[in-house]
């Protein structure tokens, strides 16, 4: 059973549809006490980091997600959901995250760009695999996915399984044991994204 954390942050229909396309059943779950019943968990999210953490904390969902991660079962954060896995974010001041992966989330530093670009980073871009991971089985070494974000993760390279270039190189996919995160939207990334979702169902 695959659970999708429902905490009022983002359009979840496209995530559910993506799982249906690969022949997997995924259920929305808004009750923290029921997370432990699932074999795998998706933490989606669109919007601001601070708002997301506030919603997660309202009914103890933050603690339930941490407990699920500690159980050793696969957890995948998507877009804002990936950012929430980190210790903190600098969006609208400093906000504490779930702390499941060491590191922080920062705004794109446009002063460091190799040429002028618009922020948010929006559209198709390439993910460069940094190491072998079951999440990317069957995909090319480098492949395109769909991005929409103004902030990105900063962490030790040992957690980076994918990087992307936009003005400069940044971490776009991470893994810490059973905990995975991906900055782009696999549910909006056609065949490559569906392959990632299918791979997650097989972990």
N, C-alpha and C. Protein backbone atom coordinates (compact mmCIF):
# COMPACT_ATOMS: atom_id res chain seq x y z
N UNK A 1 0.84 -1.20 0.00
CA UNK A 1 0.00 0.00 0.00
C UNK A 1 0.88 1.25 0.00
N UNK A 2 0.52 2.19 -0.87
CA UNK A 2 1.26 3.43 -0.98
C UNK A 2 0.39 4.57 -0.47
N UNK A 3 0.91 5.33 0.47
CA UNK A 3 0.19 6.46 1.03
C UNK A 3 0.74 7.78 0.50
N UNK A 4 -0.14 8.74 0.26
CA UNK A 4 0.25 10.09 -0.13
C UNK A 4 -0.19 11.03 0.99
N UNK A 5 0.76 11.69 1.61
CA UNK A 5 0.44 12.56 2.74
C UNK A 5 -0.39 13.75 2.26
N UNK A 6 -1.59 13.86 2.80
CA UNK A 6 -2.51 14.94 2.45
C UNK A 6 -2.52 15.95 3.59
N UNK A 7 -1.89 17.11 3.35
CA UNK A 7 -1.82 18.15 4.40
C UNK A 7 -2.15 19.53 3.83
N UNK A 8 -3.01 19.52 2.80
CA UNK A 8 -3.54 20.76 2.22
C UNK A 8 -2.47 21.64 1.58
N UNK A 9 -1.47 20.99 0.96
CA UNK A 9 -0.43 21.75 0.26
C UNK A 9 -0.19 21.14 -1.12
N UNK A 10 -0.96 21.56 -2.11
CA UNK A 10 -0.67 21.14 -3.47
C UNK A 10 -1.77 20.35 -4.12
N UNK A 11 -1.68 20.25 -5.45
CA UNK A 11 -2.64 19.48 -6.24
C UNK A 11 -2.23 18.01 -6.23
N UNK A 12 -2.99 17.19 -5.54
CA UNK A 12 -2.62 15.79 -5.36
C UNK A 12 -3.18 14.89 -6.44
N UNK A 13 -4.14 15.38 -7.21
CA UNK A 13 -4.79 14.54 -8.22
C UNK A 13 -3.78 14.04 -9.25
N UNK A 14 -2.84 14.90 -9.66
CA UNK A 14 -1.87 14.49 -10.68
C UNK A 14 -0.92 13.42 -10.14
N UNK A 15 -0.64 13.47 -8.84
CA UNK A 15 0.22 12.43 -8.23
C UNK A 15 -0.52 11.09 -8.21
N UNK A 16 -1.77 11.12 -7.80
CA UNK A 16 -2.57 9.89 -7.78
C UNK A 16 -2.69 9.31 -9.18
N UNK A 17 -2.94 10.18 -10.17
CA UNK A 17 -3.08 9.73 -11.55
C UNK A 17 -1.81 9.10 -12.07
N UNK A 18 -0.66 9.65 -11.68
CA UNK A 18 0.62 9.10 -12.13
C UNK A 18 0.82 7.68 -11.61
N UNK A 19 0.44 7.44 -10.37
CA UNK A 19 0.54 6.08 -9.82
C UNK A 19 -0.42 5.14 -10.53
N UNK A 20 -1.61 5.63 -10.84
CA UNK A 20 -2.59 4.81 -11.56
C UNK A 20 -2.06 4.42 -12.94
N UNK A 21 -1.32 5.33 -13.58
CA UNK A 21 -0.77 5.07 -14.92
C UNK A 21 0.26 3.95 -14.91
N UNK A 22 0.94 3.76 -13.78
CA UNK A 22 1.93 2.66 -13.70
C UNK A 22 1.32 1.43 -13.01
N UNK A 23 0.00 1.45 -12.84
CA UNK A 23 -0.70 0.28 -12.30
C UNK A 23 -0.60 0.12 -10.81
N UNK A 24 -0.37 1.22 -10.10
CA UNK A 24 -0.24 1.16 -8.64
C UNK A 24 -1.36 1.94 -7.98
N UNK A 25 -1.85 1.42 -6.88
CA UNK A 25 -2.86 2.12 -6.09
C UNK A 25 -2.18 2.98 -5.04
N UNK A 26 -2.52 4.24 -5.01
CA UNK A 26 -2.00 5.15 -4.00
C UNK A 26 -3.18 5.88 -3.37
N UNK A 27 -3.16 5.97 -2.04
CA UNK A 27 -4.28 6.56 -1.31
C UNK A 27 -3.86 7.82 -0.58
N UNK A 28 -4.73 8.83 -0.61
CA UNK A 28 -4.49 10.03 0.19
C UNK A 28 -4.69 9.69 1.66
N UNK A 29 -3.80 10.22 2.50
CA UNK A 29 -3.94 9.96 3.93
C UNK A 29 -3.71 11.25 4.72
N UNK A 30 -4.74 11.66 5.46
CA UNK A 30 -4.64 12.87 6.27
C UNK A 30 -4.61 12.57 7.77
N UNK A 31 -4.69 11.28 8.12
CA UNK A 31 -4.69 10.87 9.53
C UNK A 31 -3.30 10.37 9.91
N UNK A 32 -2.55 11.12 10.74
CA UNK A 32 -1.20 10.72 11.10
C UNK A 32 -1.12 9.32 11.72
N UNK A 33 -2.16 8.93 12.45
CA UNK A 33 -2.12 7.63 13.14
C UNK A 33 -2.17 6.45 12.18
N UNK A 34 -2.50 6.73 10.91
CA UNK A 34 -2.63 5.65 9.93
C UNK A 34 -1.42 5.51 9.00
N UNK A 35 -0.46 6.41 9.10
CA UNK A 35 0.69 6.35 8.20
C UNK A 35 1.43 5.03 8.31
N UNK A 36 1.53 4.51 9.52
CA UNK A 36 2.31 3.28 9.74
C UNK A 36 1.71 2.08 9.03
N UNK A 37 0.47 2.18 8.57
CA UNK A 37 -0.18 1.06 7.88
C UNK A 37 0.34 0.90 6.45
N UNK A 38 1.01 1.94 5.92
CA UNK A 38 1.45 1.91 4.52
C UNK A 38 2.83 1.30 4.37
N UNK A 39 3.07 0.72 3.20
CA UNK A 39 4.37 0.13 2.88
C UNK A 39 5.34 1.18 2.36
N UNK A 40 4.79 2.19 1.68
CA UNK A 40 5.59 3.26 1.10
C UNK A 40 4.82 4.56 1.26
N UNK A 41 5.57 5.67 1.29
CA UNK A 41 4.93 6.95 1.55
C UNK A 41 5.47 8.02 0.61
N UNK A 42 4.55 8.85 0.09
CA UNK A 42 4.89 10.01 -0.73
C UNK A 42 4.59 11.27 0.06
N UNK A 43 5.57 12.18 0.12
CA UNK A 43 5.36 13.49 0.72
C UNK A 43 5.41 14.52 -0.42
N UNK A 44 4.25 14.93 -0.93
CA UNK A 44 4.22 15.90 -2.04
C UNK A 44 4.26 17.31 -1.47
N UNK A 45 4.06 18.30 -2.34
CA UNK A 45 3.97 19.66 -1.82
C UNK A 45 4.23 20.71 -2.87
N UNK A 46 3.40 21.76 -2.82
CA UNK A 46 3.58 22.94 -3.66
C UNK A 46 3.28 24.15 -2.78
N UNK A 47 4.13 25.16 -2.83
CA UNK A 47 3.89 26.35 -2.02
C UNK A 47 5.08 26.70 -1.15
N UNK A 48 4.81 27.37 -0.05
CA UNK A 48 5.87 27.88 0.82
C UNK A 48 6.25 26.87 1.91
N UNK A 49 7.54 26.79 2.18
CA UNK A 49 8.08 25.85 3.17
C UNK A 49 7.45 26.05 4.56
N UNK A 50 7.39 27.31 5.00
CA UNK A 50 6.86 27.59 6.33
C UNK A 50 5.41 27.16 6.49
N UNK A 51 4.61 27.47 5.47
CA UNK A 51 3.20 27.07 5.50
C UNK A 51 3.08 25.55 5.56
N UNK A 52 3.92 24.87 4.78
CA UNK A 52 3.86 23.41 4.74
C UNK A 52 4.19 22.81 6.11
N UNK A 53 5.24 23.31 6.76
CA UNK A 53 5.60 22.78 8.07
C UNK A 53 4.50 23.06 9.09
N UNK A 54 3.88 24.23 8.98
CA UNK A 54 2.78 24.58 9.89
C UNK A 54 1.62 23.60 9.72
N UNK A 55 1.28 23.28 8.47
CA UNK A 55 0.19 22.33 8.21
C UNK A 55 0.55 20.94 8.74
N UNK A 56 1.80 20.54 8.55
CA UNK A 56 2.22 19.21 9.01
C UNK A 56 2.14 19.11 10.55
N UNK A 57 2.47 20.21 11.21
CA UNK A 57 2.51 20.19 12.67
C UNK A 57 1.13 20.31 13.32
N UNK A 58 0.15 20.80 12.56
CA UNK A 58 -1.18 21.06 13.12
C UNK A 58 -1.77 19.84 13.81
N UNK A 59 -1.61 18.66 13.18
CA UNK A 59 -2.20 17.45 13.77
C UNK A 59 -1.16 16.37 14.06
N UNK A 60 0.11 16.77 14.10
CA UNK A 60 1.15 15.80 14.41
C UNK A 60 1.63 14.99 13.22
N UNK A 61 1.29 15.43 12.01
CA UNK A 61 1.73 14.71 10.82
C UNK A 61 3.25 14.74 10.68
N UNK A 62 3.89 15.80 11.15
CA UNK A 62 5.35 15.88 11.07
C UNK A 62 6.00 14.73 11.84
N UNK A 63 5.50 14.46 13.04
CA UNK A 63 6.05 13.38 13.86
C UNK A 63 5.75 12.02 13.23
N UNK A 64 4.57 11.90 12.61
CA UNK A 64 4.19 10.63 11.97
C UNK A 64 5.07 10.34 10.77
N UNK A 65 5.42 11.38 10.00
CA UNK A 65 6.31 11.19 8.85
C UNK A 65 7.71 10.79 9.33
N UNK A 66 8.17 11.42 10.40
CA UNK A 66 9.48 11.05 10.96
C UNK A 66 9.48 9.60 11.46
N UNK A 67 8.41 9.20 12.10
CA UNK A 67 8.30 7.82 12.59
C UNK A 67 8.29 6.84 11.42
N UNK A 68 7.60 7.20 10.33
CA UNK A 68 7.58 6.34 9.15
C UNK A 68 8.99 6.20 8.59
N UNK A 69 9.71 7.31 8.50
CA UNK A 69 11.09 7.28 7.98
C UNK A 69 11.97 6.39 8.86
N UNK A 70 11.77 6.46 10.17
CA UNK A 70 12.57 5.66 11.10
C UNK A 70 12.27 4.17 11.00
N UNK A 71 11.11 3.83 10.42
CA UNK A 71 10.73 2.42 10.30
C UNK A 71 11.53 1.69 9.22
N UNK A 72 12.19 2.46 8.36
CA UNK A 72 12.99 1.86 7.30
C UNK A 72 12.25 1.65 5.99
N UNK A 73 10.96 1.98 5.97
CA UNK A 73 10.17 1.82 4.75
C UNK A 73 10.43 3.01 3.82
N UNK A 74 10.28 2.82 2.50
CA UNK A 74 10.62 3.88 1.54
C UNK A 74 9.72 5.11 1.66
N UNK A 75 10.36 6.28 1.66
CA UNK A 75 9.68 7.57 1.72
C UNK A 75 10.24 8.44 0.59
N UNK A 76 9.35 9.05 -0.20
CA UNK A 76 9.77 9.91 -1.30
C UNK A 76 9.15 11.29 -1.18
N UNK A 77 9.99 12.31 -1.07
CA UNK A 77 9.53 13.69 -1.08
C UNK A 77 9.62 14.25 -2.49
N UNK A 78 8.56 14.91 -2.94
CA UNK A 78 8.49 15.47 -4.29
C UNK A 78 8.38 16.99 -4.22
N UNK A 79 9.25 17.69 -4.94
CA UNK A 79 9.26 19.16 -5.02
C UNK A 79 9.37 19.77 -3.62
N UNK A 80 8.38 20.51 -3.16
CA UNK A 80 8.43 21.06 -1.80
C UNK A 80 8.58 19.93 -0.79
N UNK A 81 7.99 18.78 -1.08
CA UNK A 81 8.12 17.62 -0.19
C UNK A 81 9.56 17.19 -0.01
N UNK A 82 10.37 17.30 -1.07
CA UNK A 82 11.80 17.01 -0.93
C UNK A 82 12.45 18.04 -0.01
N UNK A 83 12.13 19.32 -0.21
CA UNK A 83 12.75 20.37 0.61
C UNK A 83 12.43 20.19 2.09
N UNK A 84 11.22 19.72 2.38
CA UNK A 84 10.81 19.53 3.78
C UNK A 84 11.63 18.46 4.49
N UNK A 85 12.28 17.58 3.74
CA UNK A 85 13.10 16.52 4.34
C UNK A 85 14.34 17.08 5.02
N UNK A 86 14.73 18.31 4.66
CA UNK A 86 15.98 18.88 5.17
C UNK A 86 15.79 19.53 6.55
N UNK A 87 16.90 19.97 7.11
CA UNK A 87 16.88 20.51 8.48
C UNK A 87 16.22 21.88 8.57
N UNK A 88 16.38 22.69 7.50
CA UNK A 88 15.84 24.05 7.56
C UNK A 88 15.71 24.64 6.17
N UNK A 89 14.95 25.73 6.09
CA UNK A 89 14.82 26.51 4.86
C UNK A 89 14.96 27.98 5.18
N UNK A 90 15.53 28.73 4.23
CA UNK A 90 15.70 30.18 4.38
C UNK A 90 14.55 30.96 3.73
N UNK A 91 13.51 30.25 3.29
CA UNK A 91 12.38 30.92 2.64
C UNK A 91 11.58 31.72 3.68
N UNK A 92 11.43 33.02 3.45
CA UNK A 92 10.71 33.91 4.38
C UNK A 92 11.24 33.77 5.81
N UNK A 93 12.56 33.87 5.97
CA UNK A 93 13.17 33.67 7.27
C UNK A 93 13.54 32.21 7.44
N UNK A 94 14.13 31.87 8.56
CA UNK A 94 14.57 30.49 8.79
C UNK A 94 13.45 29.66 9.41
N UNK A 95 13.17 28.51 8.79
CA UNK A 95 12.14 27.60 9.28
C UNK A 95 12.72 26.21 9.42
N UNK A 96 12.45 25.58 10.54
CA UNK A 96 12.94 24.22 10.77
C UNK A 96 12.15 23.21 9.93
N UNK A 97 12.87 22.26 9.32
CA UNK A 97 12.24 21.20 8.53
C UNK A 97 12.15 19.90 9.31
N UNK A 98 11.96 18.81 8.58
CA UNK A 98 11.80 17.51 9.22
C UNK A 98 13.13 16.93 9.71
N UNK A 99 14.23 17.39 9.14
CA UNK A 99 15.55 16.96 9.61
C UNK A 99 15.90 15.52 9.27
N UNK A 100 15.32 14.99 8.21
CA UNK A 100 15.59 13.59 7.82
C UNK A 100 16.82 13.47 6.93
N UNK A 101 17.24 14.59 6.34
CA UNK A 101 18.47 14.63 5.55
C UNK A 101 19.25 15.87 5.99
N UNK A 102 20.53 15.72 6.36
CA UNK A 102 21.32 16.88 6.76
C UNK A 102 21.46 17.87 5.60
N UNK A 103 21.23 19.14 5.89
CA UNK A 103 21.34 20.16 4.86
C UNK A 103 20.26 21.21 5.03
N UNK A 104 20.26 22.17 4.10
CA UNK A 104 19.29 23.26 4.18
C UNK A 104 18.79 23.62 2.79
N UNK A 105 17.75 24.45 2.76
CA UNK A 105 17.14 24.91 1.51
C UNK A 105 17.37 26.42 1.40
N UNK A 106 17.88 26.83 0.25
CA UNK A 106 18.22 28.24 0.05
C UNK A 106 17.62 28.75 -1.26
N UNK A 107 17.53 30.06 -1.40
CA UNK A 107 17.06 30.67 -2.64
C UNK A 107 18.15 30.58 -3.70
N UNK A 108 17.75 30.53 -4.96
CA UNK A 108 18.73 30.64 -6.03
C UNK A 108 19.49 31.95 -5.86
N UNK A 109 20.81 31.88 -5.92
CA UNK A 109 21.67 33.07 -5.81
C UNK A 109 21.93 33.58 -7.22
N UNK A 110 21.09 34.53 -7.65
CA UNK A 110 21.19 35.03 -9.02
C UNK A 110 22.51 35.75 -9.29
N UNK A 111 23.16 36.24 -8.24
CA UNK A 111 24.45 36.91 -8.41
C UNK A 111 25.55 35.91 -8.80
N UNK A 112 25.28 34.62 -8.57
CA UNK A 112 26.27 33.58 -8.88
C UNK A 112 25.99 32.89 -10.22
N UNK A 113 24.92 33.29 -10.89
CA UNK A 113 24.57 32.66 -12.17
C UNK A 113 25.66 32.94 -13.21
N UNK A 114 25.90 31.94 -14.07
CA UNK A 114 26.89 32.12 -15.13
C UNK A 114 26.36 32.99 -16.27
N UNK A 115 25.03 33.18 -16.34
CA UNK A 115 24.41 34.15 -17.24
C UNK A 115 23.00 34.45 -16.71
N UNK A 116 22.42 35.58 -17.06
CA UNK A 116 21.12 35.95 -16.48
C UNK A 116 20.01 34.95 -16.82
N UNK A 117 19.27 34.56 -15.80
CA UNK A 117 18.15 33.62 -15.96
C UNK A 117 17.01 34.06 -15.05
N UNK A 118 15.81 33.66 -15.41
CA UNK A 118 14.64 34.00 -14.60
C UNK A 118 14.49 33.02 -13.44
N UNK A 119 14.08 33.53 -12.32
CA UNK A 119 13.68 32.72 -11.17
C UNK A 119 12.22 33.04 -10.91
N UNK A 120 11.34 32.05 -10.77
CA UNK A 120 11.65 30.63 -10.55
C UNK A 120 12.21 29.90 -11.77
N UNK A 121 12.94 28.85 -11.46
CA UNK A 121 13.40 27.89 -12.46
C UNK A 121 12.17 27.09 -12.87
N UNK A 122 11.73 27.27 -14.12
CA UNK A 122 10.49 26.64 -14.55
C UNK A 122 10.66 26.04 -15.94
N UNK A 123 10.28 24.77 -16.07
CA UNK A 123 10.33 24.10 -17.36
C UNK A 123 11.18 22.83 -17.32
N UNK A 124 11.47 22.32 -18.49
CA UNK A 124 12.24 21.08 -18.61
C UNK A 124 13.72 21.35 -18.44
N UNK A 125 14.38 20.49 -17.66
CA UNK A 125 15.82 20.60 -17.50
C UNK A 125 16.37 19.20 -17.22
N UNK A 126 17.69 19.11 -17.34
CA UNK A 126 18.33 17.81 -17.26
C UNK A 126 18.76 17.48 -15.84
N UNK A 127 18.53 16.24 -15.45
CA UNK A 127 19.04 15.72 -14.18
C UNK A 127 20.21 14.82 -14.50
N UNK A 128 21.35 15.10 -13.88
CA UNK A 128 22.57 14.31 -14.08
C UNK A 128 22.73 13.36 -12.89
N UNK A 129 22.65 12.07 -13.17
CA UNK A 129 22.78 11.09 -12.09
C UNK A 129 24.17 11.18 -11.47
N UNK A 130 24.22 11.15 -10.14
CA UNK A 130 25.49 11.23 -9.40
C UNK A 130 25.96 9.87 -8.91
N UNK A 131 25.03 8.94 -8.76
CA UNK A 131 25.39 7.59 -8.30
C UNK A 131 24.24 6.66 -8.63
N UNK A 132 24.52 5.38 -8.61
CA UNK A 132 23.49 4.40 -8.92
C UNK A 132 22.45 4.35 -7.81
N UNK A 133 21.20 4.37 -8.20
CA UNK A 133 20.10 4.26 -7.24
C UNK A 133 18.94 3.56 -7.92
N UNK A 134 18.24 2.73 -7.18
CA UNK A 134 17.09 2.00 -7.73
C UNK A 134 16.00 2.95 -8.21
N UNK A 135 15.98 4.17 -7.67
CA UNK A 135 14.94 5.13 -8.06
C UNK A 135 15.06 5.51 -9.54
N UNK A 136 16.28 5.40 -10.09
CA UNK A 136 16.51 5.80 -11.49
C UNK A 136 16.78 4.60 -12.40
N UNK A 137 16.45 3.42 -11.96
CA UNK A 137 16.65 2.22 -12.80
C UNK A 137 15.98 2.39 -14.16
N UNK A 138 16.69 1.99 -15.21
CA UNK A 138 16.11 2.01 -16.55
C UNK A 138 16.11 3.36 -17.24
N UNK A 139 16.65 4.38 -16.57
CA UNK A 139 16.74 5.72 -17.17
C UNK A 139 18.16 5.97 -17.66
N UNK A 140 18.30 6.90 -18.60
CA UNK A 140 19.63 7.27 -19.08
C UNK A 140 20.43 7.89 -17.94
N UNK A 141 21.74 7.96 -18.15
CA UNK A 141 22.61 8.57 -17.14
C UNK A 141 22.17 10.01 -16.85
N UNK A 142 21.77 10.71 -17.90
CA UNK A 142 21.24 12.07 -17.78
C UNK A 142 19.88 12.11 -18.47
N UNK A 143 18.87 12.70 -17.85
CA UNK A 143 17.53 12.70 -18.44
C UNK A 143 16.77 13.95 -18.02
N UNK A 144 15.73 14.27 -18.78
CA UNK A 144 14.99 15.50 -18.56
C UNK A 144 13.74 15.28 -17.70
N UNK A 145 13.48 16.25 -16.81
CA UNK A 145 12.29 16.27 -15.98
C UNK A 145 11.77 17.70 -15.92
N UNK A 146 10.56 17.87 -15.38
CA UNK A 146 9.92 19.19 -15.33
C UNK A 146 10.08 19.83 -13.95
N UNK A 147 10.60 21.05 -13.92
CA UNK A 147 10.90 21.77 -12.68
C UNK A 147 10.02 23.02 -12.53
N UNK A 148 9.68 23.34 -11.28
CA UNK A 148 9.09 24.64 -10.93
C UNK A 148 9.51 24.95 -9.49
N UNK A 149 10.51 25.82 -9.32
CA UNK A 149 10.94 26.15 -7.94
C UNK A 149 11.86 27.36 -7.94
N UNK A 150 11.89 28.05 -6.79
CA UNK A 150 12.75 29.22 -6.58
C UNK A 150 13.83 28.95 -5.53
N UNK A 151 13.71 27.83 -4.82
CA UNK A 151 14.65 27.45 -3.77
C UNK A 151 15.21 26.07 -4.09
N UNK A 152 16.40 25.79 -3.58
CA UNK A 152 16.99 24.48 -3.82
C UNK A 152 17.77 24.01 -2.60
N UNK A 153 18.03 22.73 -2.55
CA UNK A 153 18.73 22.13 -1.41
C UNK A 153 20.23 22.30 -1.52
N UNK A 154 20.86 22.42 -0.36
CA UNK A 154 22.32 22.41 -0.24
C UNK A 154 22.66 21.33 0.79
N UNK A 155 23.45 20.34 0.35
CA UNK A 155 23.79 19.24 1.27
C UNK A 155 25.10 18.60 0.85
N UNK A 156 25.60 17.72 1.68
CA UNK A 156 26.82 16.97 1.37
C UNK A 156 26.58 16.11 0.14
N UNK A 157 27.61 15.99 -0.70
CA UNK A 157 27.49 15.22 -1.93
C UNK A 157 27.13 13.75 -1.69
N UNK A 158 27.37 13.25 -0.50
CA UNK A 158 27.06 11.83 -0.25
C UNK A 158 25.56 11.57 -0.28
N UNK A 159 24.74 12.63 -0.14
CA UNK A 159 23.29 12.48 -0.22
C UNK A 159 22.74 12.78 -1.61
N UNK A 160 23.57 13.35 -2.48
CA UNK A 160 23.12 13.78 -3.80
C UNK A 160 23.12 12.61 -4.79
N UNK A 161 21.94 12.27 -5.31
CA UNK A 161 21.86 11.24 -6.35
C UNK A 161 21.57 11.87 -7.71
N UNK A 162 21.25 13.17 -7.71
CA UNK A 162 21.04 13.90 -8.96
C UNK A 162 21.38 15.36 -8.80
N UNK A 163 21.95 15.94 -9.85
CA UNK A 163 22.22 17.37 -9.87
C UNK A 163 21.71 17.95 -11.19
N UNK A 164 21.45 19.25 -11.18
CA UNK A 164 20.91 19.94 -12.35
C UNK A 164 21.62 21.30 -12.46
N UNK A 165 21.76 21.80 -13.68
CA UNK A 165 22.39 23.10 -13.88
C UNK A 165 21.34 24.14 -14.25
N UNK A 166 21.27 25.18 -13.45
CA UNK A 166 20.44 26.35 -13.77
C UNK A 166 21.13 27.57 -13.18
N UNK A 167 21.92 28.23 -14.00
CA UNK A 167 22.75 29.33 -13.49
C UNK A 167 24.01 28.83 -12.83
N UNK A 168 23.87 27.75 -12.10
CA UNK A 168 24.98 26.99 -11.51
C UNK A 168 24.44 25.60 -11.17
N UNK A 169 25.30 24.72 -10.76
CA UNK A 169 24.88 23.35 -10.45
C UNK A 169 24.25 23.30 -9.05
N UNK A 170 23.13 22.62 -8.94
CA UNK A 170 22.49 22.44 -7.63
C UNK A 170 22.00 21.00 -7.48
N UNK A 171 21.75 20.61 -6.26
CA UNK A 171 21.27 19.26 -5.96
C UNK A 171 19.79 19.17 -6.28
N UNK A 172 19.42 18.21 -7.15
CA UNK A 172 18.02 18.08 -7.57
C UNK A 172 17.40 16.75 -7.17
N UNK A 173 18.18 15.84 -6.60
CA UNK A 173 17.64 14.57 -6.10
C UNK A 173 18.56 14.05 -5.01
N UNK A 174 17.96 13.48 -3.96
CA UNK A 174 18.74 13.05 -2.79
C UNK A 174 18.28 11.69 -2.29
N UNK A 175 19.17 11.05 -1.56
CA UNK A 175 18.83 9.80 -0.88
C UNK A 175 19.62 9.69 0.41
N UNK A 176 18.94 9.30 1.46
CA UNK A 176 19.58 8.99 2.74
C UNK A 176 18.97 7.68 3.22
N UNK A 177 19.58 6.57 2.81
CA UNK A 177 19.02 5.26 3.14
C UNK A 177 17.69 5.04 2.44
N UNK A 178 16.63 4.87 3.23
CA UNK A 178 15.28 4.63 2.70
C UNK A 178 14.53 5.91 2.36
N UNK A 179 15.18 7.05 2.55
CA UNK A 179 14.54 8.35 2.34
C UNK A 179 15.05 8.95 1.03
N UNK A 180 14.10 9.25 0.14
CA UNK A 180 14.42 9.79 -1.18
C UNK A 180 13.74 11.15 -1.36
N UNK A 181 14.34 12.00 -2.17
CA UNK A 181 13.72 13.26 -2.51
C UNK A 181 14.06 13.66 -3.92
N UNK A 182 13.11 14.28 -4.61
CA UNK A 182 13.35 14.74 -5.97
C UNK A 182 12.70 16.10 -6.15
N UNK A 183 13.52 17.08 -6.60
CA UNK A 183 13.03 18.46 -6.73
C UNK A 183 12.04 18.63 -7.88
N UNK A 184 12.30 18.07 -9.06
CA UNK A 184 11.32 18.21 -10.15
C UNK A 184 10.04 17.43 -9.87
N UNK A 185 9.06 17.61 -10.75
CA UNK A 185 7.77 16.94 -10.61
C UNK A 185 7.73 15.70 -11.50
N UNK A 186 7.93 14.51 -10.97
CA UNK A 186 7.84 13.32 -11.82
C UNK A 186 6.45 13.13 -12.41
N UNK A 187 5.42 13.57 -11.68
CA UNK A 187 4.04 13.39 -12.15
C UNK A 187 3.72 14.30 -13.34
N UNK A 188 4.62 15.27 -13.63
CA UNK A 188 4.44 16.17 -14.77
C UNK A 188 5.51 15.94 -15.84
N UNK A 189 6.29 14.88 -15.68
CA UNK A 189 7.48 14.68 -16.51
C UNK A 189 7.35 13.53 -17.50
N UNK A 190 6.13 13.20 -17.87
CA UNK A 190 5.88 12.20 -18.91
C UNK A 190 6.59 10.87 -18.61
N UNK A 191 7.19 10.26 -19.62
CA UNK A 191 7.72 8.90 -19.48
C UNK A 191 8.82 8.79 -18.43
N UNK A 192 9.74 9.76 -18.41
CA UNK A 192 10.83 9.70 -17.43
C UNK A 192 10.29 9.78 -16.00
N UNK A 193 9.32 10.66 -15.80
CA UNK A 193 8.74 10.80 -14.47
C UNK A 193 7.97 9.56 -14.06
N UNK A 194 7.22 8.99 -15.00
CA UNK A 194 6.46 7.77 -14.70
C UNK A 194 7.39 6.61 -14.37
N UNK A 195 8.57 6.59 -15.00
CA UNK A 195 9.54 5.54 -14.71
C UNK A 195 10.04 5.66 -13.27
N UNK A 196 10.27 6.88 -12.82
CA UNK A 196 10.69 7.10 -11.43
C UNK A 196 9.60 6.63 -10.47
N UNK A 197 8.36 6.97 -10.79
CA UNK A 197 7.24 6.56 -9.93
C UNK A 197 7.10 5.04 -9.92
N UNK A 198 7.25 4.43 -11.08
CA UNK A 198 7.20 2.96 -11.15
C UNK A 198 8.33 2.35 -10.33
N UNK A 199 9.53 2.91 -10.46
CA UNK A 199 10.65 2.39 -9.68
C UNK A 199 10.40 2.50 -8.18
N UNK A 200 9.78 3.60 -7.76
CA UNK A 200 9.50 3.77 -6.33
C UNK A 200 8.55 2.68 -5.84
N UNK A 201 7.58 2.30 -6.68
CA UNK A 201 6.64 1.26 -6.25
C UNK A 201 7.32 -0.08 -6.06
N UNK A 202 8.51 -0.25 -6.65
CA UNK A 202 9.24 -1.53 -6.59
C UNK A 202 10.29 -1.57 -5.50
N UNK A 203 10.52 -0.45 -4.82
CA UNK A 203 11.55 -0.41 -3.78
C UNK A 203 11.21 -1.35 -2.64
